[in-house]
Amino acid sequence: MRRTREAAAQTREQLLQAALRCFLEQGYAATTLEEIARRAGTTRGAIQWHFGSKADLFNAVVREQYERAARKLLPLYQRDGSPLATLREILLAWLSYPEEDADFRAMLELTTLRTGMLPELQSGVAEKIQAVEAGIAHFAELLRRARVAGEIRPDIVPEQAAITAYGLIMGLSSLWLLNPRAFSLRACAAEAVEIFIRGLRTS
């Protein structure tokens, strides 16, 4: 039984990897389940067993990459100490991650540049909206704590500053994806985050 579960988990991972590459290379609409199955060394039936439809598989690919990133960055969210320093480290981590992880970068390129707002992908879009809202809410909480601690100016509105912080992540990442050779995302992020944090400080 254990061997069966391990084999199923391995097949699922192979399908996720194959789907990511096929979707990235050919686009969502042009990719077929047969091509994904062939690349993964399995059958179309395995895709339907693990995921259901092509749309479900696409959404699973995106979800898996974000969940992996979240697990890796979780210690930053759980750290004690200065709320403003925590926010700074989280921003830097999210802006560095696409350069550090090729699969995450591929997923961002796929969702940002290569896939439109297709009706069958709306459930995945809804998930992403919820994740963004949760991220903004967490940033706002850090900023509220930073204001109470006297780390940021009293006139700063945490909710608005949190939206700006999240926009920094999404905007800079999207700009970098257009031409990754134009600049280092990690290096540019370091300066951009410092400018943002400096604008919040009391002095």
N, C-alpha and C. Protein backbone atom coordinates (compact mmCIF):
# COMPACT_ATOMS: atom_id res chain seq x y z
N MET A 1 0.83 -1.21 0.00
CA MET A 1 0.00 0.00 0.00
C MET A 1 0.87 1.26 0.00
N ARG A 2 1.93 1.24 0.84
CA ARG A 2 2.82 2.40 0.90
C ARG A 2 3.49 2.64 -0.45
N ARG A 3 3.91 1.53 -1.09
CA ARG A 3 4.57 1.66 -2.39
C ARG A 3 3.60 2.22 -3.42
N THR A 4 2.33 1.83 -3.32
CA THR A 4 1.31 2.34 -4.24
C THR A 4 1.12 3.84 -4.06
N ARG A 5 1.08 4.29 -2.80
CA ARG A 5 0.93 5.73 -2.53
C ARG A 5 2.14 6.50 -3.04
N GLU A 6 3.32 5.94 -2.85
CA GLU A 6 4.53 6.61 -3.31
C GLU A 6 4.55 6.71 -4.84
N ALA A 7 4.11 5.64 -5.50
CA ALA A 7 4.07 5.64 -6.97
C ALA A 7 3.06 6.67 -7.47
N ALA A 8 1.92 6.76 -6.78
CA ALA A 8 0.90 7.73 -7.17
C ALA A 8 1.41 9.16 -6.99
N ALA A 9 2.11 9.40 -5.88
CA ALA A 9 2.67 10.73 -5.63
C ALA A 9 3.72 11.08 -6.67
N GLN A 10 4.52 10.10 -7.06
CA GLN A 10 5.54 10.34 -8.08
C GLN A 10 4.90 10.65 -9.43
N THR A 11 3.86 9.91 -9.78
CA THR A 11 3.15 10.16 -11.03
C THR A 11 2.55 11.56 -11.03
N ARG A 12 1.96 11.94 -9.91
CA ARG A 12 1.36 13.28 -9.81
C ARG A 12 2.41 14.37 -10.01
N GLU A 13 3.57 14.19 -9.39
CA GLU A 13 4.65 15.18 -9.52
C GLU A 13 5.15 15.24 -10.96
N GLN A 14 5.29 14.09 -11.60
CA GLN A 14 5.73 14.06 -13.00
C GLN A 14 4.73 14.78 -13.91
N LEU A 15 3.46 14.60 -13.62
CA LEU A 15 2.43 15.27 -14.42
C LEU A 15 2.47 16.78 -14.22
N LEU A 16 2.68 17.22 -12.99
CA LEU A 16 2.76 18.65 -12.72
C LEU A 16 3.95 19.28 -13.45
N GLN A 17 5.09 18.60 -13.41
CA GLN A 17 6.27 19.12 -14.08
C GLN A 17 6.09 19.13 -15.60
N ALA A 18 5.53 18.06 -16.14
CA ALA A 18 5.31 17.99 -17.58
C ALA A 18 4.31 19.04 -18.03
N ALA A 19 3.26 19.22 -17.25
CA ALA A 19 2.23 20.21 -17.60
C ALA A 19 2.81 21.62 -17.58
N LEU A 20 3.62 21.93 -16.59
CA LEU A 20 4.22 23.26 -16.51
C LEU A 20 5.03 23.56 -17.77
N ARG A 21 5.84 22.60 -18.20
CA ARG A 21 6.68 22.81 -19.38
C ARG A 21 5.85 22.89 -20.65
N CYS A 22 4.86 22.03 -20.78
CA CYS A 22 4.02 22.05 -21.99
C CYS A 22 3.22 23.34 -22.08
N PHE A 23 2.62 23.75 -20.98
CA PHE A 23 1.84 24.99 -20.97
C PHE A 23 2.73 26.18 -21.30
N LEU A 24 3.94 26.19 -20.75
CA LEU A 24 4.85 27.31 -20.97
C LEU A 24 5.30 27.37 -22.43
N GLU A 25 5.60 26.22 -23.00
CA GLU A 25 6.13 26.17 -24.37
C GLU A 25 5.06 26.40 -25.43
N GLN A 26 3.85 25.87 -25.19
CA GLN A 26 2.83 25.88 -26.23
C GLN A 26 1.62 26.76 -25.91
N GLY A 27 1.51 27.18 -24.66
CA GLY A 27 0.32 27.92 -24.25
C GLY A 27 -0.76 26.97 -23.79
N TYR A 28 -1.66 27.50 -22.98
CA TYR A 28 -2.72 26.65 -22.42
C TYR A 28 -3.61 26.06 -23.51
N ALA A 29 -4.09 26.89 -24.41
CA ALA A 29 -5.07 26.44 -25.40
C ALA A 29 -4.50 25.37 -26.33
N ALA A 30 -3.23 25.51 -26.72
CA ALA A 30 -2.65 24.59 -27.70
C ALA A 30 -2.16 23.29 -27.08
N THR A 31 -2.05 23.23 -25.78
CA THR A 31 -1.55 22.03 -25.11
C THR A 31 -2.67 21.00 -24.95
N THR A 32 -2.36 19.75 -25.27
CA THR A 32 -3.34 18.68 -25.10
C THR A 32 -2.93 17.78 -23.93
N LEU A 33 -3.91 17.08 -23.40
CA LEU A 33 -3.63 16.15 -22.31
C LEU A 33 -2.74 15.01 -22.79
N GLU A 34 -2.89 14.64 -24.05
CA GLU A 34 -2.06 13.57 -24.61
C GLU A 34 -0.58 13.97 -24.60
N GLU A 35 -0.31 15.23 -24.95
CA GLU A 35 1.08 15.71 -24.96
C GLU A 35 1.67 15.72 -23.56
N ILE A 36 0.87 16.16 -22.60
CA ILE A 36 1.34 16.19 -21.22
C ILE A 36 1.62 14.77 -20.73
N ALA A 37 0.70 13.85 -21.01
CA ALA A 37 0.87 12.47 -20.58
C ALA A 37 2.12 11.85 -21.21
N ARG A 38 2.32 12.12 -22.50
CA ARG A 38 3.49 11.58 -23.20
C ARG A 38 4.78 12.10 -22.57
N ARG A 39 4.80 13.38 -22.26
CA ARG A 39 6.00 13.98 -21.67
C ARG A 39 6.26 13.44 -20.26
N ALA A 40 5.19 13.13 -19.56
CA ALA A 40 5.33 12.60 -18.20
C ALA A 40 5.58 11.10 -18.19
N GLY A 41 5.46 10.47 -19.35
CA GLY A 41 5.66 9.03 -19.43
C GLY A 41 4.52 8.24 -18.83
N THR A 42 3.30 8.77 -18.96
CA THR A 42 2.13 8.09 -18.41
C THR A 42 0.97 8.21 -19.39
N THR A 43 -0.25 8.09 -18.91
CA THR A 43 -1.42 8.08 -19.80
C THR A 43 -2.35 9.24 -19.49
N ARG A 44 -3.22 9.53 -20.45
CA ARG A 44 -4.24 10.56 -20.24
C ARG A 44 -5.14 10.19 -19.07
N GLY A 45 -5.38 8.90 -18.91
CA GLY A 45 -6.21 8.44 -17.80
C GLY A 45 -5.62 8.82 -16.45
N ALA A 46 -4.29 8.82 -16.36
CA ALA A 46 -3.64 9.21 -15.10
C ALA A 46 -3.91 10.68 -14.79
N ILE A 47 -3.93 11.51 -15.83
CA ILE A 47 -4.23 12.93 -15.62
C ILE A 47 -5.65 13.09 -15.09
N GLN A 48 -6.57 12.39 -15.71
CA GLN A 48 -7.97 12.50 -15.29
C GLN A 48 -8.16 11.94 -13.88
N TRP A 49 -7.40 10.93 -13.53
CA TRP A 49 -7.50 10.35 -12.19
C TRP A 49 -6.99 11.32 -11.13
N HIS A 50 -5.85 11.94 -11.39
CA HIS A 50 -5.22 12.82 -10.40
C HIS A 50 -5.83 14.22 -10.38
N PHE A 51 -6.25 14.72 -11.54
CA PHE A 51 -6.64 16.13 -11.61
C PHE A 51 -8.03 16.38 -12.20
N GLY A 52 -8.49 15.52 -13.08
CA GLY A 52 -9.77 15.75 -13.73
C GLY A 52 -9.58 16.33 -15.11
N SER A 53 -9.79 17.61 -15.27
CA SER A 53 -9.73 18.27 -16.57
C SER A 53 -8.40 18.99 -16.78
N LYS A 54 -8.21 19.50 -17.99
CA LYS A 54 -7.00 20.29 -18.28
C LYS A 54 -6.97 21.56 -17.44
N ALA A 55 -8.13 22.18 -17.27
CA ALA A 55 -8.20 23.39 -16.45
C ALA A 55 -7.82 23.09 -15.00
N ASP A 56 -8.30 21.96 -14.49
CA ASP A 56 -7.96 21.57 -13.11
C ASP A 56 -6.46 21.32 -12.97
N LEU A 57 -5.87 20.73 -14.00
CA LEU A 57 -4.42 20.49 -13.98
C LEU A 57 -3.66 21.81 -14.01
N PHE A 58 -4.08 22.73 -14.86
CA PHE A 58 -3.42 24.04 -14.93
C PHE A 58 -3.48 24.73 -13.57
N ASN A 59 -4.66 24.75 -12.98
CA ASN A 59 -4.80 25.40 -11.67
C ASN A 59 -3.97 24.71 -10.60
N ALA A 60 -3.84 23.39 -10.71
CA ALA A 60 -3.01 22.65 -9.75
C ALA A 60 -1.54 23.00 -9.91
N VAL A 61 -1.09 23.20 -11.15
CA VAL A 61 0.29 23.60 -11.40
C VAL A 61 0.59 24.93 -10.71
N VAL A 62 -0.30 25.89 -10.90
CA VAL A 62 -0.11 27.22 -10.30
C VAL A 62 -0.16 27.13 -8.78
N ARG A 63 -1.15 26.41 -8.26
CA ARG A 63 -1.31 26.28 -6.81
C ARG A 63 -0.09 25.62 -6.19
N GLU A 64 0.43 24.58 -6.82
CA GLU A 64 1.58 23.85 -6.29
C GLU A 64 2.80 24.75 -6.17
N GLN A 65 3.04 25.58 -7.18
CA GLN A 65 4.21 26.46 -7.14
C GLN A 65 4.10 27.51 -6.04
N TYR A 66 2.92 28.08 -5.87
CA TYR A 66 2.73 29.06 -4.80
C TYR A 66 2.84 28.41 -3.43
N GLU A 67 2.32 27.19 -3.30
CA GLU A 67 2.39 26.51 -2.01
C GLU A 67 3.82 26.15 -1.65
N ARG A 68 4.61 25.74 -2.64
CA ARG A 68 6.02 25.44 -2.39
C ARG A 68 6.77 26.69 -1.95
N ALA A 69 6.50 27.79 -2.63
CA ALA A 69 7.15 29.05 -2.25
C ALA A 69 6.74 29.46 -0.84
N ALA A 70 5.46 29.32 -0.54
CA ALA A 70 4.97 29.71 0.79
C ALA A 70 5.61 28.87 1.88
N ARG A 71 5.77 27.57 1.62
CA ARG A 71 6.42 26.70 2.63
C ARG A 71 7.86 27.12 2.85
N LYS A 72 8.54 27.49 1.79
CA LYS A 72 9.94 27.89 1.92
C LYS A 72 10.08 29.20 2.68
N LEU A 73 9.13 30.12 2.47
CA LEU A 73 9.23 31.44 3.08
C LEU A 73 8.50 31.53 4.42
N LEU A 74 7.85 30.45 4.84
CA LEU A 74 7.06 30.47 6.07
C LEU A 74 7.84 30.96 7.29
N PRO A 75 9.10 30.56 7.48
CA PRO A 75 9.83 31.04 8.67
C PRO A 75 9.89 32.56 8.78
N LEU A 76 9.90 33.25 7.65
CA LEU A 76 9.92 34.72 7.69
C LEU A 76 8.63 35.26 8.29
N TYR A 77 7.51 34.62 7.97
CA TYR A 77 6.22 35.07 8.48
C TYR A 77 6.07 34.79 9.97
N GLN A 78 6.85 33.84 10.48
CA GLN A 78 6.72 33.43 11.88
C GLN A 78 7.76 34.07 12.79
N ARG A 79 8.64 34.88 12.24
CA ARG A 79 9.73 35.44 13.04
C ARG A 79 9.21 36.48 14.03
N ASP A 80 9.93 36.60 15.12
CA ASP A 80 9.63 37.62 16.12
C ASP A 80 10.48 38.86 15.85
N GLY A 81 10.22 39.90 16.62
CA GLY A 81 11.04 41.10 16.50
C GLY A 81 10.32 42.21 15.76
N SER A 82 11.09 43.07 15.14
CA SER A 82 10.56 44.26 14.49
C SER A 82 9.59 43.92 13.36
N PRO A 83 8.34 44.42 13.42
CA PRO A 83 7.39 44.17 12.33
C PRO A 83 7.86 44.76 11.00
N LEU A 84 8.49 45.93 11.05
CA LEU A 84 8.96 46.56 9.81
C LEU A 84 10.10 45.77 9.19
N ALA A 85 10.99 45.25 10.03
CA ALA A 85 12.09 44.42 9.53
C ALA A 85 11.54 43.13 8.92
N THR A 86 10.50 42.58 9.54
CA THR A 86 9.87 41.37 9.00
C THR A 86 9.27 41.64 7.63
N LEU A 87 8.56 42.75 7.51
CA LEU A 87 7.98 43.11 6.22
C LEU A 87 9.06 43.28 5.16
N ARG A 88 10.14 43.92 5.53
CA ARG A 88 11.26 44.12 4.60
C ARG A 88 11.80 42.79 4.11
N GLU A 89 12.01 41.84 5.02
CA GLU A 89 12.56 40.54 4.64
C GLU A 89 11.59 39.74 3.77
N ILE A 90 10.30 39.85 4.06
CA ILE A 90 9.30 39.15 3.25
C ILE A 90 9.28 39.70 1.83
N LEU A 91 9.30 41.02 1.70
CA LEU A 91 9.31 41.64 0.37
C LEU A 91 10.55 41.21 -0.42
N LEU A 92 11.70 41.25 0.23
CA LEU A 92 12.93 40.86 -0.45
C LEU A 92 12.89 39.38 -0.86
N ALA A 93 12.33 38.55 0.00
CA ALA A 93 12.28 37.12 -0.30
C ALA A 93 11.39 36.83 -1.51
N TRP A 94 10.19 37.44 -1.54
CA TRP A 94 9.29 37.20 -2.66
C TRP A 94 9.87 37.75 -3.96
N LEU A 95 10.60 38.85 -3.88
CA LEU A 95 11.17 39.44 -5.09
C LEU A 95 12.46 38.74 -5.53
N SER A 96 13.07 37.98 -4.66
CA SER A 96 14.26 37.23 -5.02
C SER A 96 13.91 35.84 -5.54
N TYR A 97 12.79 35.30 -5.10
CA TYR A 97 12.45 33.91 -5.37
C TYR A 97 12.35 33.56 -6.86
N PRO A 98 11.77 34.42 -7.71
CA PRO A 98 11.69 34.05 -9.14
C PRO A 98 13.05 33.83 -9.79
N GLU A 99 14.08 34.52 -9.33
CA GLU A 99 15.41 34.30 -9.89
C GLU A 99 16.07 33.05 -9.31
N GLU A 100 15.61 32.63 -8.15
CA GLU A 100 16.23 31.49 -7.47
C GLU A 100 15.59 30.16 -7.86
N ASP A 101 14.33 30.17 -8.25
CA ASP A 101 13.60 28.93 -8.53
C ASP A 101 13.05 28.96 -9.95
N ALA A 102 13.60 28.11 -10.81
CA ALA A 102 13.24 28.11 -12.23
C ALA A 102 11.78 27.73 -12.45
N ASP A 103 11.26 26.79 -11.67
CA ASP A 103 9.87 26.38 -11.84
C ASP A 103 8.91 27.49 -11.45
N PHE A 104 9.22 28.20 -10.37
CA PHE A 104 8.36 29.30 -9.95
C PHE A 104 8.39 30.41 -11.00
N ARG A 105 9.56 30.69 -11.53
CA ARG A 105 9.67 31.68 -12.60
C ARG A 105 8.85 31.25 -13.81
N ALA A 106 8.92 29.97 -14.18
CA ALA A 106 8.16 29.47 -15.33
C ALA A 106 6.66 29.64 -15.10
N MET A 107 6.21 29.36 -13.87
CA MET A 107 4.79 29.52 -13.55
C MET A 107 4.38 30.98 -13.65
N LEU A 108 5.21 31.90 -13.14
CA LEU A 108 4.90 33.32 -13.24
C LEU A 108 4.82 33.77 -14.69
N GLU A 109 5.77 33.32 -15.49
CA GLU A 109 5.75 33.68 -16.91
C GLU A 109 4.50 33.15 -17.58
N LEU A 110 4.13 31.93 -17.24
CA LEU A 110 2.95 31.30 -17.82
C LEU A 110 1.68 32.08 -17.48
N THR A 111 1.52 32.43 -16.21
CA THR A 111 0.28 33.08 -15.79
C THR A 111 0.25 34.57 -16.11
N THR A 112 1.43 35.20 -16.14
CA THR A 112 1.48 36.65 -16.35
C THR A 112 1.49 37.02 -17.83
N LEU A 113 2.23 36.25 -18.64
CA LEU A 113 2.45 36.65 -20.02
C LEU A 113 1.80 35.74 -21.06
N ARG A 114 1.51 34.50 -20.71
CA ARG A 114 1.14 33.53 -21.74
C ARG A 114 -0.28 32.98 -21.65
N THR A 115 -1.01 33.36 -20.63
CA THR A 115 -2.35 32.80 -20.47
C THR A 115 -3.36 33.92 -20.22
N GLY A 116 -4.40 33.95 -21.02
CA GLY A 116 -5.44 34.96 -20.85
C GLY A 116 -6.45 34.55 -19.79
N MET A 117 -7.45 35.40 -19.62
CA MET A 117 -8.50 35.15 -18.63
C MET A 117 -9.58 34.25 -19.23
N LEU A 118 -9.24 32.98 -19.39
CA LEU A 118 -10.17 32.04 -20.00
C LEU A 118 -11.24 31.62 -19.00
N PRO A 119 -12.48 31.44 -19.46
CA PRO A 119 -13.58 31.09 -18.54
C PRO A 119 -13.32 29.85 -17.71
N GLU A 120 -12.69 28.82 -18.31
CA GLU A 120 -12.50 27.57 -17.58
C GLU A 120 -11.44 27.68 -16.48
N LEU A 121 -10.70 28.80 -16.47
CA LEU A 121 -9.66 28.98 -15.45
C LEU A 121 -10.10 29.92 -14.33
N GLN A 122 -11.37 30.27 -14.31
CA GLN A 122 -11.85 31.25 -13.33
C GLN A 122 -11.72 30.79 -11.89
N SER A 123 -11.83 29.48 -11.65
CA SER A 123 -11.68 29.01 -10.27
C SER A 123 -10.26 29.26 -9.77
N GLY A 124 -9.28 29.11 -10.67
CA GLY A 124 -7.90 29.41 -10.30
C GLY A 124 -7.69 30.89 -10.06
N VAL A 125 -8.34 31.72 -10.87
CA VAL A 125 -8.25 33.17 -10.68
C VAL A 125 -8.83 33.56 -9.32
N ALA A 126 -9.95 32.93 -8.96
CA ALA A 126 -10.57 33.22 -7.67
C ALA A 126 -9.64 32.84 -6.52
N GLU A 127 -8.94 31.72 -6.66
CA GLU A 127 -7.97 31.31 -5.64
C GLU A 127 -6.85 32.34 -5.51
N LYS A 128 -6.38 32.83 -6.66
CA LYS A 128 -5.29 33.81 -6.64
C LYS A 128 -5.73 35.10 -5.98
N ILE A 129 -6.96 35.52 -6.26
CA ILE A 129 -7.48 36.74 -5.64
C ILE A 129 -7.53 36.58 -4.12
N GLN A 130 -7.98 35.42 -3.66
CA GLN A 130 -8.02 35.16 -2.22
C GLN A 130 -6.63 35.20 -1.61
N ALA A 131 -5.65 34.63 -2.33
CA ALA A 131 -4.27 34.62 -1.83
C ALA A 131 -3.71 36.03 -1.76
N VAL A 132 -4.01 36.84 -2.77
CA VAL A 132 -3.55 38.23 -2.78
C VAL A 132 -4.17 39.00 -1.61
N GLU A 133 -5.46 38.81 -1.41
CA GLU A 133 -6.13 39.50 -0.31
C GLU A 133 -5.55 39.09 1.04
N ALA A 134 -5.22 37.79 1.18
CA ALA A 134 -4.61 37.32 2.43
C ALA A 134 -3.22 37.92 2.61
N GLY A 135 -2.47 38.02 1.52
CA GLY A 135 -1.14 38.62 1.60
C GLY A 135 -1.19 40.08 1.99
N ILE A 136 -2.11 40.81 1.40
CA ILE A 136 -2.27 42.23 1.73
C ILE A 136 -2.69 42.39 3.19
N ALA A 137 -3.59 41.53 3.64
CA ALA A 137 -4.05 41.59 5.03
C ALA A 137 -2.90 41.35 6.00
N HIS A 138 -2.02 40.41 5.65
CA HIS A 138 -0.87 40.14 6.52
C HIS A 138 0.08 41.33 6.55
N PHE A 139 0.32 41.93 5.40
CA PHE A 139 1.17 43.12 5.35
C PHE A 139 0.56 44.25 6.18
N ALA A 140 -0.75 44.42 6.08
CA ALA A 140 -1.43 45.48 6.83
C ALA A 140 -1.28 45.26 8.33
N GLU A 141 -1.37 44.00 8.76
CA GLU A 141 -1.21 43.70 10.19
C GLU A 141 0.21 44.03 10.65
N LEU A 142 1.21 43.67 9.85
CA LEU A 142 2.59 44.02 10.20
C LEU A 142 2.75 45.54 10.30
N LEU A 143 2.13 46.26 9.39
CA LEU A 143 2.25 47.72 9.39
C LEU A 143 1.51 48.35 10.57
N ARG A 144 0.39 47.76 10.96
CA ARG A 144 -0.31 48.26 12.15
C ARG A 144 0.57 48.07 13.39
N ARG A 145 1.20 46.91 13.48
CA ARG A 145 2.10 46.66 14.61
C ARG A 145 3.31 47.59 14.57
N ALA A 146 3.80 47.85 13.36
CA ALA A 146 4.94 48.76 13.22
C ALA A 146 4.56 50.18 13.65
N ARG A 147 3.34 50.58 13.36
CA ARG A 147 2.89 51.93 13.76
C ARG A 147 2.76 52.02 15.27
N VAL A 148 2.21 50.98 15.89
CA VAL A 148 2.10 50.95 17.35
C VAL A 148 3.48 51.00 18.00
N ALA A 149 4.44 50.32 17.37
CA ALA A 149 5.81 50.27 17.91
C ALA A 149 6.59 51.55 17.61
N GLY A 150 5.99 52.47 16.87
CA GLY A 150 6.67 53.71 16.55
C GLY A 150 7.71 53.58 15.45
N GLU A 151 7.62 52.50 14.66
CA GLU A 151 8.60 52.28 13.60
C GLU A 151 8.26 53.04 12.32
N ILE A 152 6.98 53.36 12.13
CA ILE A 152 6.58 54.09 10.93
C ILE A 152 5.81 55.34 11.33
N ARG A 153 5.67 56.25 10.40
CA ARG A 153 5.01 57.52 10.68
C ARG A 153 3.55 57.30 11.07
N PRO A 154 3.02 58.09 11.99
CA PRO A 154 1.63 57.91 12.44
C PRO A 154 0.60 58.22 11.36
N ASP A 155 1.00 58.96 10.32
CA ASP A 155 0.05 59.28 9.26
C ASP A 155 -0.06 58.18 8.20
N ILE A 156 0.78 57.16 8.31
CA ILE A 156 0.72 56.04 7.36
C ILE A 156 -0.55 55.23 7.61
N VAL A 157 -1.31 54.97 6.55
CA VAL A 157 -2.50 54.12 6.63
C VAL A 157 -2.06 52.70 6.29
N PRO A 158 -2.05 51.78 7.26
CA PRO A 158 -1.52 50.44 7.03
C PRO A 158 -2.13 49.72 5.83
N GLU A 159 -3.45 49.83 5.67
CA GLU A 159 -4.11 49.12 4.58
C GLU A 159 -3.64 49.62 3.21
N GLN A 160 -3.47 50.92 3.08
CA GLN A 160 -3.01 51.48 1.81
C GLN A 160 -1.54 51.15 1.56
N ALA A 161 -0.74 51.24 2.60
CA ALA A 161 0.68 50.91 2.46
C ALA A 161 0.87 49.43 2.13
N ALA A 162 -0.02 48.58 2.66
CA ALA A 162 0.06 47.14 2.37
C ALA A 162 -0.23 46.87 0.90
N ILE A 163 -1.20 47.57 0.33
CA ILE A 163 -1.50 47.42 -1.10
C ILE A 163 -0.30 47.87 -1.93
N THR A 164 0.33 48.96 -1.52
CA THR A 164 1.52 49.44 -2.23
C THR A 164 2.64 48.40 -2.17
N ALA A 165 2.82 47.79 -1.00
CA ALA A 165 3.86 46.78 -0.84
C ALA A 165 3.61 45.58 -1.75
N TYR A 166 2.36 45.14 -1.81
CA TYR A 166 2.04 44.00 -2.67
C TYR A 166 2.19 44.39 -4.14
N GLY A 167 1.81 45.63 -4.45
CA GLY A 167 1.99 46.11 -5.81
C GLY A 167 3.45 46.16 -6.22
N LEU A 168 4.32 46.43 -5.26
CA LEU A 168 5.76 46.43 -5.53
C LEU A 168 6.22 45.04 -5.97
N ILE A 169 5.73 44.02 -5.29
CA ILE A 169 6.08 42.64 -5.65
C ILE A 169 5.58 42.31 -7.06
N MET A 170 4.29 42.55 -7.29
CA MET A 170 3.69 42.16 -8.56
C MET A 170 4.22 42.99 -9.72
N GLY A 171 4.37 44.29 -9.50
CA GLY A 171 4.81 45.16 -10.58
C GLY A 171 6.25 44.91 -11.00
N LEU A 172 7.15 44.81 -10.03
CA LEU A 172 8.55 44.61 -10.34
C LEU A 172 8.79 43.23 -10.94
N SER A 173 8.08 42.23 -10.42
CA SER A 173 8.21 40.87 -10.97
C SER A 173 7.72 40.82 -12.42
N SER A 174 6.59 41.45 -12.69
CA SER A 174 6.04 41.45 -14.05
C SER A 174 6.97 42.17 -15.02
N LEU A 175 7.54 43.28 -14.59
CA LEU A 175 8.47 44.03 -15.43
C LEU A 175 9.70 43.19 -15.75
N TRP A 176 10.21 42.49 -14.75
CA TRP A 176 11.39 41.64 -14.95
C TRP A 176 11.09 40.49 -15.90
N LEU A 177 9.90 39.91 -15.81
CA LEU A 177 9.54 38.78 -16.67
C LEU A 177 9.53 39.17 -18.14
N LEU A 178 9.25 40.43 -18.44
CA LEU A 178 9.23 40.88 -19.84
C LEU A 178 10.60 40.74 -20.48
N ASN A 179 11.66 40.96 -19.69
CA ASN A 179 13.02 40.84 -20.21
C ASN A 179 13.98 40.59 -19.05
N PRO A 180 14.10 39.34 -18.61
CA PRO A 180 14.94 39.02 -17.45
C PRO A 180 16.40 39.40 -17.61
N ARG A 181 16.85 39.57 -18.84
CA ARG A 181 18.25 39.93 -19.06
C ARG A 181 18.50 41.42 -18.86
N ALA A 182 17.43 42.19 -18.79
CA ALA A 182 17.58 43.64 -18.69
C ALA A 182 18.14 44.08 -17.34
N PHE A 183 17.76 43.37 -16.29
CA PHE A 183 18.25 43.73 -14.96
C PHE A 183 18.09 42.54 -14.02
N SER A 184 18.82 42.58 -12.92
CA SER A 184 18.70 41.56 -11.88
C SER A 184 17.52 41.92 -10.98
N LEU A 185 16.55 41.04 -10.90
CA LEU A 185 15.40 41.30 -10.05
C LEU A 185 15.82 41.43 -8.60
N ARG A 186 16.71 40.57 -8.17
CA ARG A 186 17.15 40.58 -6.77
C ARG A 186 17.84 41.90 -6.43
N ALA A 187 18.73 42.36 -7.30
CA ALA A 187 19.45 43.60 -7.04
C ALA A 187 18.52 44.81 -7.06
N CYS A 188 17.64 44.84 -8.04
CA CYS A 188 16.69 45.95 -8.14
C CYS A 188 15.73 45.94 -6.96
N ALA A 189 15.34 44.75 -6.53
CA ALA A 189 14.42 44.63 -5.40
C ALA A 189 15.02 45.21 -4.14
N ALA A 190 16.31 44.96 -3.93
CA ALA A 190 16.96 45.46 -2.71
C ALA A 190 16.84 46.97 -2.62
N GLU A 191 17.07 47.66 -3.74
CA GLU A 191 16.98 49.12 -3.72
C GLU A 191 15.53 49.58 -3.61
N ALA A 192 14.64 48.94 -4.36
CA ALA A 192 13.23 49.34 -4.34
C ALA A 192 12.61 49.16 -2.96
N VAL A 193 12.92 48.05 -2.31
CA VAL A 193 12.37 47.80 -0.97
C VAL A 193 12.92 48.81 0.03
N GLU A 194 14.20 49.14 -0.08
CA GLU A 194 14.78 50.12 0.83
C GLU A 194 14.11 51.48 0.67
N ILE A 195 13.84 51.87 -0.57
CA ILE A 195 13.16 53.15 -0.82
C ILE A 195 11.76 53.13 -0.20
N PHE A 196 11.06 52.01 -0.37
CA PHE A 196 9.71 51.88 0.19
C PHE A 196 9.74 51.95 1.72
N ILE A 197 10.64 51.20 2.34
CA ILE A 197 10.74 51.17 3.80
C ILE A 197 11.15 52.54 4.34
N ARG A 198 12.07 53.18 3.65
CA ARG A 198 12.53 54.51 4.07
C ARG A 198 11.38 55.52 4.08
N GLY A 199 10.48 55.38 3.13
CA GLY A 199 9.35 56.29 3.06
C GLY A 199 8.34 56.09 4.19
N LEU A 200 8.40 54.95 4.85
CA LEU A 200 7.49 54.66 5.95
C LEU A 200 8.03 55.09 7.31
N ARG A 201 9.34 55.15 7.42
CA ARG A 201 9.97 55.34 8.73
C ARG A 201 9.64 56.71 9.34
N THR A 202 9.76 56.74 10.66
CA THR A 202 9.50 57.99 11.38
C THR A 202 10.63 58.98 11.20
N SER A 203 11.83 58.48 10.94
CA SER A 203 12.97 59.40 10.74
C SER A 203 13.98 58.77 9.80
